[in-house]
C-alpha cells in the first residue's frame, strides 16, 4: 500500500529544488513502481514530450495538493492522548478524498470534531487521532481564526 503523503513529500522535495526534471531512478528507489505510477496518475509528474524525462506538474492545483500532503507527512502524526489542540490545521482523508480543516473540539475519548474549509465530507462525524494529520499548529499570536 502506498503512503500518499510520503509520496507527495518525495515528489514535492524535487519541486523545492527548483529543478523541474525528476530523476526516475531516485524516485523509484524512494517510492517504488506503485508510487511512481500513483504520482503519474495524480498528475504530479508528467512526461516531457521533447526529452522523455519526467517533469513536475506545472498545474498549481496539483502543486498545492502535493504541498499539503508533503506538509502532512513532515508533521508529527498526532498522538491519541492529546497531540492536537483546538485551532490546529489538519488534513483528513474521508471516503478516499482529502479535506483540510481545523480542530473544533476534542471529546473525552480522544476523537476530534473538525471544522472544514471549502469542500466538506458528505457526513459530519468525529475523527480518531490516527485519521487526522497535523498541517499547522494554531498560534494565537499569529492566527486570528478563533478570536
N, C-alpha and C. Protein backbone atom coordinates (compact mmCIF):
# COMPACT_ATOMS: atom_id res chain seq x y z
N UNK A 1 0.84 -1.18 0.00
CA UNK A 1 0.00 0.00 0.00
C UNK A 1 0.89 1.25 0.00
N UNK A 2 0.50 2.22 -0.78
CA UNK A 2 1.28 3.44 -0.94
C UNK A 2 0.88 4.46 0.12
N UNK A 3 1.87 5.04 0.78
CA UNK A 3 1.63 6.15 1.69
C UNK A 3 1.64 7.42 0.83
N UNK A 4 0.44 7.94 0.54
CA UNK A 4 0.31 9.07 -0.38
C UNK A 4 1.04 10.30 0.14
N UNK A 5 0.99 10.53 1.45
CA UNK A 5 1.67 11.71 1.97
C UNK A 5 3.18 11.58 1.84
N UNK A 6 3.72 10.36 2.01
CA UNK A 6 5.17 10.15 1.80
C UNK A 6 5.51 10.37 0.33
N UNK A 7 4.68 9.87 -0.55
CA UNK A 7 4.89 10.06 -1.98
C UNK A 7 4.92 11.56 -2.31
N UNK A 8 3.96 12.29 -1.78
CA UNK A 8 3.91 13.73 -2.02
C UNK A 8 5.17 14.41 -1.49
N UNK A 9 5.62 13.96 -0.32
CA UNK A 9 6.85 14.52 0.28
C UNK A 9 8.04 14.29 -0.65
N UNK A 10 8.17 13.09 -1.18
CA UNK A 10 9.30 12.77 -2.06
C UNK A 10 9.24 13.59 -3.36
N UNK A 11 8.07 13.67 -3.96
CA UNK A 11 7.93 14.41 -5.22
C UNK A 11 8.07 15.90 -4.97
N UNK A 12 7.45 16.40 -3.90
CA UNK A 12 7.48 17.83 -3.62
C UNK A 12 8.89 18.30 -3.26
N UNK A 13 9.70 17.42 -2.69
CA UNK A 13 11.08 17.80 -2.37
C UNK A 13 11.84 18.16 -3.64
N UNK A 14 11.51 17.53 -4.75
CA UNK A 14 12.11 17.89 -6.04
C UNK A 14 11.63 19.29 -6.45
N UNK A 15 10.35 19.56 -6.22
CA UNK A 15 9.79 20.88 -6.56
C UNK A 15 10.54 21.99 -5.83
N UNK A 16 10.90 21.75 -4.56
CA UNK A 16 11.57 22.76 -3.77
C UNK A 16 12.98 23.05 -4.27
N UNK A 17 13.60 22.13 -5.02
CA UNK A 17 14.95 22.36 -5.54
C UNK A 17 14.93 23.33 -6.70
N UNK A 18 13.77 23.51 -7.33
CA UNK A 18 13.67 24.40 -8.47
C UNK A 18 13.99 23.72 -9.79
N UNK A 19 14.45 22.48 -9.75
CA UNK A 19 14.75 21.73 -10.96
C UNK A 19 13.53 20.92 -11.33
N UNK A 20 12.90 21.20 -12.49
CA UNK A 20 11.66 20.51 -12.83
C UNK A 20 11.85 19.06 -13.28
N UNK A 21 13.09 18.65 -13.55
CA UNK A 21 13.32 17.29 -14.04
C UNK A 21 13.45 16.34 -12.86
N UNK A 22 12.66 15.30 -12.88
CA UNK A 22 12.65 14.30 -11.81
C UNK A 22 13.55 13.14 -12.23
N UNK A 23 14.45 12.77 -11.35
CA UNK A 23 15.31 11.64 -11.63
C UNK A 23 14.54 10.36 -11.32
N UNK A 24 14.15 9.67 -12.37
CA UNK A 24 13.28 8.50 -12.28
C UNK A 24 13.83 7.44 -11.33
N UNK A 25 15.11 7.13 -11.45
CA UNK A 25 15.69 6.08 -10.61
C UNK A 25 15.68 6.45 -9.13
N UNK A 26 15.94 7.72 -8.83
CA UNK A 26 15.93 8.16 -7.43
C UNK A 26 14.52 8.06 -6.85
N UNK A 27 13.54 8.45 -7.66
CA UNK A 27 12.16 8.37 -7.20
C UNK A 27 11.72 6.92 -7.05
N UNK A 28 12.13 6.08 -7.99
CA UNK A 28 11.79 4.66 -7.90
C UNK A 28 12.35 4.03 -6.63
N UNK A 29 13.58 4.38 -6.27
CA UNK A 29 14.16 3.79 -5.06
C UNK A 29 13.45 4.29 -3.81
N UNK A 30 12.90 5.50 -3.87
CA UNK A 30 12.21 6.06 -2.70
C UNK A 30 10.79 5.56 -2.55
N UNK A 31 10.06 5.43 -3.68
CA UNK A 31 8.62 5.12 -3.58
C UNK A 31 8.20 3.89 -4.38
N UNK A 32 9.10 3.31 -5.16
CA UNK A 32 8.79 2.11 -5.93
C UNK A 32 7.93 2.40 -7.16
N UNK A 33 7.66 1.33 -7.93
CA UNK A 33 6.87 1.47 -9.16
C UNK A 33 5.45 1.92 -8.86
N UNK A 34 4.86 1.39 -7.79
CA UNK A 34 3.49 1.79 -7.44
C UNK A 34 3.41 3.27 -7.12
N UNK A 35 4.40 3.77 -6.40
CA UNK A 35 4.44 5.19 -6.07
C UNK A 35 4.62 6.06 -7.30
N UNK A 36 5.52 5.62 -8.19
CA UNK A 36 5.73 6.37 -9.43
C UNK A 36 4.45 6.40 -10.27
N UNK A 37 3.79 5.27 -10.38
CA UNK A 37 2.53 5.21 -11.13
C UNK A 37 1.45 6.09 -10.48
N UNK A 38 1.41 6.10 -9.16
CA UNK A 38 0.42 6.94 -8.46
C UNK A 38 0.70 8.42 -8.70
N UNK A 39 1.98 8.81 -8.67
CA UNK A 39 2.34 10.21 -8.94
C UNK A 39 1.94 10.61 -10.36
N UNK A 40 2.10 9.70 -11.30
CA UNK A 40 1.67 9.96 -12.68
C UNK A 40 0.15 10.04 -12.76
N UNK A 41 -0.54 9.12 -12.08
CA UNK A 41 -1.99 9.10 -12.09
C UNK A 41 -2.57 10.39 -11.51
N UNK A 42 -1.94 10.89 -10.45
CA UNK A 42 -2.41 12.12 -9.81
C UNK A 42 -1.95 13.37 -10.57
N UNK A 43 -1.16 13.16 -11.60
CA UNK A 43 -0.63 14.23 -12.45
C UNK A 43 0.31 15.16 -11.70
N UNK A 44 0.99 14.61 -10.69
CA UNK A 44 2.04 15.35 -10.01
C UNK A 44 3.29 15.36 -10.88
N UNK A 45 3.43 14.31 -11.68
CA UNK A 45 4.53 14.18 -12.64
C UNK A 45 3.92 14.01 -14.02
N UNK A 46 4.66 14.52 -15.00
CA UNK A 46 4.21 14.39 -16.39
C UNK A 46 5.41 14.07 -17.25
N UNK A 47 5.23 13.24 -18.27
CA UNK A 47 6.34 13.00 -19.20
C UNK A 47 6.51 14.22 -20.11
N UNK A 48 7.75 14.63 -20.29
CA UNK A 48 8.04 15.73 -21.21
C UNK A 48 8.11 15.16 -22.62
N UNK A 49 7.28 15.67 -23.51
CA UNK A 49 7.19 15.13 -24.88
C UNK A 49 8.49 15.26 -25.65
N UNK A 50 9.27 16.31 -25.39
CA UNK A 50 10.50 16.51 -26.16
C UNK A 50 11.67 15.69 -25.64
N UNK A 51 11.86 15.67 -24.32
CA UNK A 51 13.04 14.98 -23.77
C UNK A 51 12.76 13.55 -23.33
N UNK A 52 11.49 13.26 -23.02
CA UNK A 52 11.16 11.94 -22.49
C UNK A 52 11.36 11.83 -20.99
N UNK A 53 11.91 12.87 -20.36
CA UNK A 53 12.11 12.88 -18.91
C UNK A 53 10.78 13.11 -18.21
N UNK A 54 10.75 12.74 -16.94
CA UNK A 54 9.60 13.08 -16.11
C UNK A 54 9.84 14.49 -15.56
N UNK A 55 8.81 15.30 -15.60
CA UNK A 55 8.91 16.66 -15.06
C UNK A 55 7.77 16.88 -14.07
N UNK A 56 7.99 17.82 -13.17
CA UNK A 56 6.95 18.16 -12.20
C UNK A 56 5.78 18.85 -12.87
N UNK A 57 4.63 18.63 -12.31
CA UNK A 57 3.41 19.27 -12.81
C UNK A 57 3.56 20.78 -12.74
N UNK A 58 3.02 21.45 -13.72
CA UNK A 58 3.01 22.91 -13.73
C UNK A 58 1.68 23.45 -13.23
N UNK A 59 0.69 22.58 -13.12
CA UNK A 59 -0.65 22.97 -12.69
C UNK A 59 -0.61 23.31 -11.18
N UNK A 60 -1.00 24.54 -10.83
CA UNK A 60 -0.93 25.00 -9.44
C UNK A 60 -1.82 24.17 -8.50
N UNK A 61 -2.92 23.65 -9.00
CA UNK A 61 -3.79 22.81 -8.17
C UNK A 61 -3.05 21.55 -7.75
N UNK A 62 -2.33 20.94 -8.67
CA UNK A 62 -1.57 19.72 -8.37
C UNK A 62 -0.41 20.03 -7.43
N UNK A 63 0.23 21.17 -7.65
CA UNK A 63 1.35 21.56 -6.78
C UNK A 63 0.85 21.81 -5.37
N UNK A 64 -0.29 22.48 -5.23
CA UNK A 64 -0.85 22.75 -3.91
C UNK A 64 -1.26 21.46 -3.20
N UNK A 65 -1.84 20.52 -3.93
CA UNK A 65 -2.19 19.22 -3.36
C UNK A 65 -0.94 18.52 -2.83
N UNK A 66 0.12 18.53 -3.64
CA UNK A 66 1.39 17.92 -3.22
C UNK A 66 1.93 18.61 -1.97
N UNK A 67 1.88 19.94 -1.96
CA UNK A 67 2.41 20.69 -0.82
C UNK A 67 1.68 20.32 0.47
N UNK A 68 0.36 20.29 0.41
CA UNK A 68 -0.42 19.95 1.60
C UNK A 68 -0.10 18.54 2.10
N UNK A 69 -0.03 17.61 1.17
CA UNK A 69 0.27 16.23 1.55
C UNK A 69 1.70 16.09 2.08
N UNK A 70 2.64 16.81 1.48
CA UNK A 70 4.03 16.77 1.94
C UNK A 70 4.14 17.35 3.35
N UNK A 71 3.43 18.43 3.61
CA UNK A 71 3.43 19.01 4.95
C UNK A 71 2.81 18.05 5.96
N UNK A 72 1.77 17.36 5.54
CA UNK A 72 1.13 16.38 6.43
C UNK A 72 2.11 15.26 6.78
N UNK A 73 2.91 14.85 5.80
CA UNK A 73 3.89 13.79 6.04
C UNK A 73 4.98 14.29 6.99
N UNK A 74 5.42 15.53 6.77
CA UNK A 74 6.50 16.08 7.58
C UNK A 74 6.07 16.35 9.01
N UNK A 75 4.81 16.64 9.19
CA UNK A 75 4.31 16.93 10.54
C UNK A 75 4.29 15.66 11.37
N UNK A 76 4.42 15.82 12.64
CA UNK A 76 4.35 14.68 13.54
C UNK A 76 2.92 14.17 13.58
N UNK A 77 2.75 12.87 13.40
CA UNK A 77 1.41 12.30 13.49
C UNK A 77 0.93 12.46 14.91
N UNK A 78 -0.24 13.05 15.08
CA UNK A 78 -0.72 13.33 16.43
C UNK A 78 -0.98 12.05 17.23
N UNK A 79 -0.73 12.15 18.50
CA UNK A 79 -1.00 11.04 19.41
C UNK A 79 -2.45 11.13 19.89
N UNK A 80 -3.10 10.01 20.05
CA UNK A 80 -4.49 10.00 20.52
C UNK A 80 -4.61 10.63 21.90
N UNK A 81 -3.52 10.63 22.67
CA UNK A 81 -3.57 11.15 24.04
C UNK A 81 -3.55 12.67 24.09
N UNK A 82 -3.46 13.35 22.95
CA UNK A 82 -3.55 14.80 23.03
C UNK A 82 -2.58 15.55 22.15
N UNK A 83 -2.26 15.04 21.00
CA UNK A 83 -1.30 15.69 20.11
C UNK A 83 -1.84 16.92 19.41
N UNK A 84 -3.15 17.06 19.28
CA UNK A 84 -3.74 18.20 18.58
C UNK A 84 -4.44 19.11 19.57
N UNK A 85 -4.44 20.38 19.22
CA UNK A 85 -5.13 21.37 20.04
C UNK A 85 -6.20 22.05 19.22
N UNK A 86 -7.16 22.66 19.88
CA UNK A 86 -8.21 23.40 19.19
C UNK A 86 -7.55 24.50 18.35
N UNK A 87 -7.97 24.57 17.09
CA UNK A 87 -7.44 25.56 16.17
C UNK A 87 -6.35 25.03 15.26
N UNK A 88 -5.74 23.88 15.60
CA UNK A 88 -4.70 23.32 14.73
C UNK A 88 -5.29 22.96 13.37
N UNK A 89 -4.56 23.27 12.31
CA UNK A 89 -5.00 22.92 10.96
C UNK A 89 -4.63 21.47 10.70
N UNK A 90 -5.58 20.71 10.14
CA UNK A 90 -5.37 19.28 9.93
C UNK A 90 -5.79 18.85 8.53
N UNK A 91 -5.27 17.71 8.12
CA UNK A 91 -5.65 17.07 6.87
C UNK A 91 -6.36 15.78 7.24
N UNK A 92 -7.53 15.57 6.63
CA UNK A 92 -8.35 14.39 6.88
C UNK A 92 -8.61 13.70 5.54
N UNK A 93 -8.49 12.38 5.52
CA UNK A 93 -8.89 11.61 4.34
C UNK A 93 -10.15 10.87 4.73
N UNK A 94 -11.23 11.15 3.99
CA UNK A 94 -12.52 10.55 4.28
C UNK A 94 -13.14 10.12 2.96
N UNK A 95 -13.49 8.86 2.83
CA UNK A 95 -14.09 8.36 1.60
C UNK A 95 -13.15 8.46 0.41
N UNK A 96 -11.84 8.37 0.67
CA UNK A 96 -10.86 8.43 -0.40
C UNK A 96 -10.52 9.84 -0.87
N UNK A 97 -11.13 10.87 -0.26
CA UNK A 97 -10.84 12.25 -0.63
C UNK A 97 -10.17 12.96 0.53
N UNK A 98 -9.39 13.99 0.22
CA UNK A 98 -8.67 14.75 1.23
C UNK A 98 -9.39 16.06 1.51
N UNK A 99 -9.43 16.42 2.80
CA UNK A 99 -10.08 17.65 3.22
C UNK A 99 -9.18 18.35 4.23
N UNK A 100 -9.16 19.67 4.18
CA UNK A 100 -8.40 20.47 5.13
C UNK A 100 -9.38 21.17 6.05
N UNK A 101 -9.08 21.13 7.34
CA UNK A 101 -9.93 21.79 8.31
C UNK A 101 -9.15 22.17 9.55
N UNK A 102 -9.87 22.57 10.58
CA UNK A 102 -9.26 22.94 11.85
C UNK A 102 -9.96 22.18 12.97
N UNK A 103 -9.20 21.84 14.00
CA UNK A 103 -9.77 21.15 15.15
C UNK A 103 -10.72 22.10 15.85
N UNK A 104 -11.97 21.64 15.99
CA UNK A 104 -13.02 22.44 16.62
C UNK A 104 -13.14 22.10 18.11
N UNK A 105 -13.08 20.79 18.41
CA UNK A 105 -13.11 20.33 19.80
C UNK A 105 -12.61 18.90 19.87
N UNK A 106 -12.30 18.48 21.09
CA UNK A 106 -11.82 17.11 21.33
C UNK A 106 -12.68 16.53 22.44
N UNK A 107 -13.21 15.30 22.19
CA UNK A 107 -14.04 14.70 23.23
C UNK A 107 -13.18 13.91 24.21
N UNK A 108 -13.80 13.37 25.26
CA UNK A 108 -13.06 12.67 26.30
C UNK A 108 -12.41 11.38 25.81
N UNK A 109 -12.96 10.80 24.75
CA UNK A 109 -12.38 9.57 24.20
C UNK A 109 -11.20 9.86 23.28
N UNK A 110 -10.92 11.14 23.02
CA UNK A 110 -9.78 11.50 22.18
C UNK A 110 -10.12 11.73 20.72
N UNK A 111 -11.41 11.69 20.36
CA UNK A 111 -11.82 11.95 18.97
C UNK A 111 -11.97 13.45 18.77
N UNK A 112 -11.77 13.88 17.53
CA UNK A 112 -11.77 15.30 17.20
C UNK A 112 -12.95 15.67 16.31
N UNK A 113 -13.57 16.83 16.62
CA UNK A 113 -14.54 17.44 15.71
C UNK A 113 -13.75 18.41 14.86
N UNK A 114 -13.96 18.36 13.55
CA UNK A 114 -13.19 19.18 12.63
C UNK A 114 -14.13 20.15 11.92
N UNK A 115 -13.72 21.40 11.83
CA UNK A 115 -14.42 22.41 11.06
C UNK A 115 -13.68 22.53 9.73
N UNK A 116 -14.34 22.22 8.62
CA UNK A 116 -13.67 22.14 7.32
C UNK A 116 -13.75 23.45 6.57
N UNK A 117 -12.69 23.72 5.80
CA UNK A 117 -12.63 24.87 4.90
C UNK A 117 -13.10 24.40 3.54
N UNK A 118 -13.85 25.20 2.85
CA UNK A 118 -14.26 24.85 1.49
C UNK A 118 -15.03 23.55 1.42
N UNK A 119 -14.52 22.61 0.64
CA UNK A 119 -15.20 21.33 0.46
C UNK A 119 -15.20 20.53 1.76
N UNK A 120 -16.34 19.88 2.03
CA UNK A 120 -16.52 19.13 3.28
C UNK A 120 -16.88 17.68 2.96
N UNK A 121 -16.54 16.75 3.86
CA UNK A 121 -17.00 15.36 3.68
C UNK A 121 -18.52 15.32 3.67
N UNK A 122 -19.09 14.31 3.05
CA UNK A 122 -20.54 14.21 2.94
C UNK A 122 -21.23 13.96 4.28
N UNK A 123 -20.53 13.36 5.22
CA UNK A 123 -21.09 13.06 6.54
C UNK A 123 -20.29 13.77 7.62
N UNK A 124 -20.97 14.45 8.50
CA UNK A 124 -20.30 15.09 9.65
C UNK A 124 -20.10 14.05 10.72
N UNK A 125 -18.87 13.88 11.16
CA UNK A 125 -18.56 12.92 12.22
C UNK A 125 -17.29 13.34 12.94
N UNK A 126 -16.96 12.65 14.02
CA UNK A 126 -15.72 12.89 14.72
C UNK A 126 -14.65 11.95 14.16
N UNK A 127 -13.39 12.37 14.26
CA UNK A 127 -12.26 11.60 13.72
C UNK A 127 -11.31 11.21 14.83
N UNK A 128 -10.84 9.96 14.78
CA UNK A 128 -9.84 9.50 15.74
C UNK A 128 -8.49 10.12 15.41
N UNK A 129 -7.59 10.11 16.38
CA UNK A 129 -6.27 10.70 16.21
C UNK A 129 -5.48 10.13 15.05
N UNK A 130 -5.72 8.85 14.71
CA UNK A 130 -4.97 8.25 13.60
C UNK A 130 -5.60 8.56 12.24
N UNK A 131 -6.71 9.29 12.23
CA UNK A 131 -7.37 9.66 10.97
C UNK A 131 -7.04 11.08 10.53
N UNK A 132 -6.34 11.82 11.36
CA UNK A 132 -6.00 13.21 11.04
C UNK A 132 -4.50 13.41 11.12
N UNK A 133 -4.02 14.30 10.30
CA UNK A 133 -2.60 14.67 10.32
C UNK A 133 -2.51 16.17 10.52
N UNK A 134 -1.63 16.57 11.41
CA UNK A 134 -1.41 17.99 11.67
C UNK A 134 -0.70 18.62 10.47
N UNK A 135 -1.23 19.75 10.03
CA UNK A 135 -0.58 20.52 8.96
C UNK A 135 0.10 21.74 9.56
N UNK A 136 -0.61 22.40 10.48
CA UNK A 136 -0.09 23.64 11.05
C UNK A 136 -0.66 23.80 12.45
N UNK A 137 0.22 24.03 13.40
CA UNK A 137 -0.21 24.27 14.77
C UNK A 137 -0.82 25.67 14.88
N UNK A 138 -1.87 25.77 15.66
CA UNK A 138 -2.53 27.05 15.88
C UNK A 138 -1.64 27.90 16.77
N UNK A 139 -1.37 29.13 16.35
CA UNK A 139 -0.59 30.08 17.12
C UNK A 139 -1.46 31.32 17.34
N UNK A 140 -2.01 31.50 18.53
CA UNK A 140 -2.93 32.61 18.74
C UNK A 140 -2.29 33.97 18.51
N UNK A 141 -0.99 34.07 18.64
CA UNK A 141 -0.31 35.36 18.40
C UNK A 141 -0.29 35.72 16.92
N UNK A 142 -0.32 34.70 16.03
CA UNK A 142 -0.22 34.94 14.61
C UNK A 142 -1.53 34.70 13.86
N UNK A 143 -2.42 33.95 14.46
CA UNK A 143 -3.60 33.47 13.74
C UNK A 143 -4.87 33.92 14.46
N UNK A 144 -5.71 34.65 13.77
CA UNK A 144 -6.92 35.20 14.38
C UNK A 144 -8.15 34.34 14.08
N UNK A 145 -7.96 33.10 13.64
CA UNK A 145 -9.11 32.27 13.26
C UNK A 145 -10.10 32.08 14.39
N UNK A 146 -9.62 31.95 15.62
CA UNK A 146 -10.53 31.62 16.72
C UNK A 146 -10.75 32.78 17.68
N UNK A 147 -10.39 33.97 17.29
CA UNK A 147 -10.60 35.11 18.18
C UNK A 147 -12.02 35.60 18.12
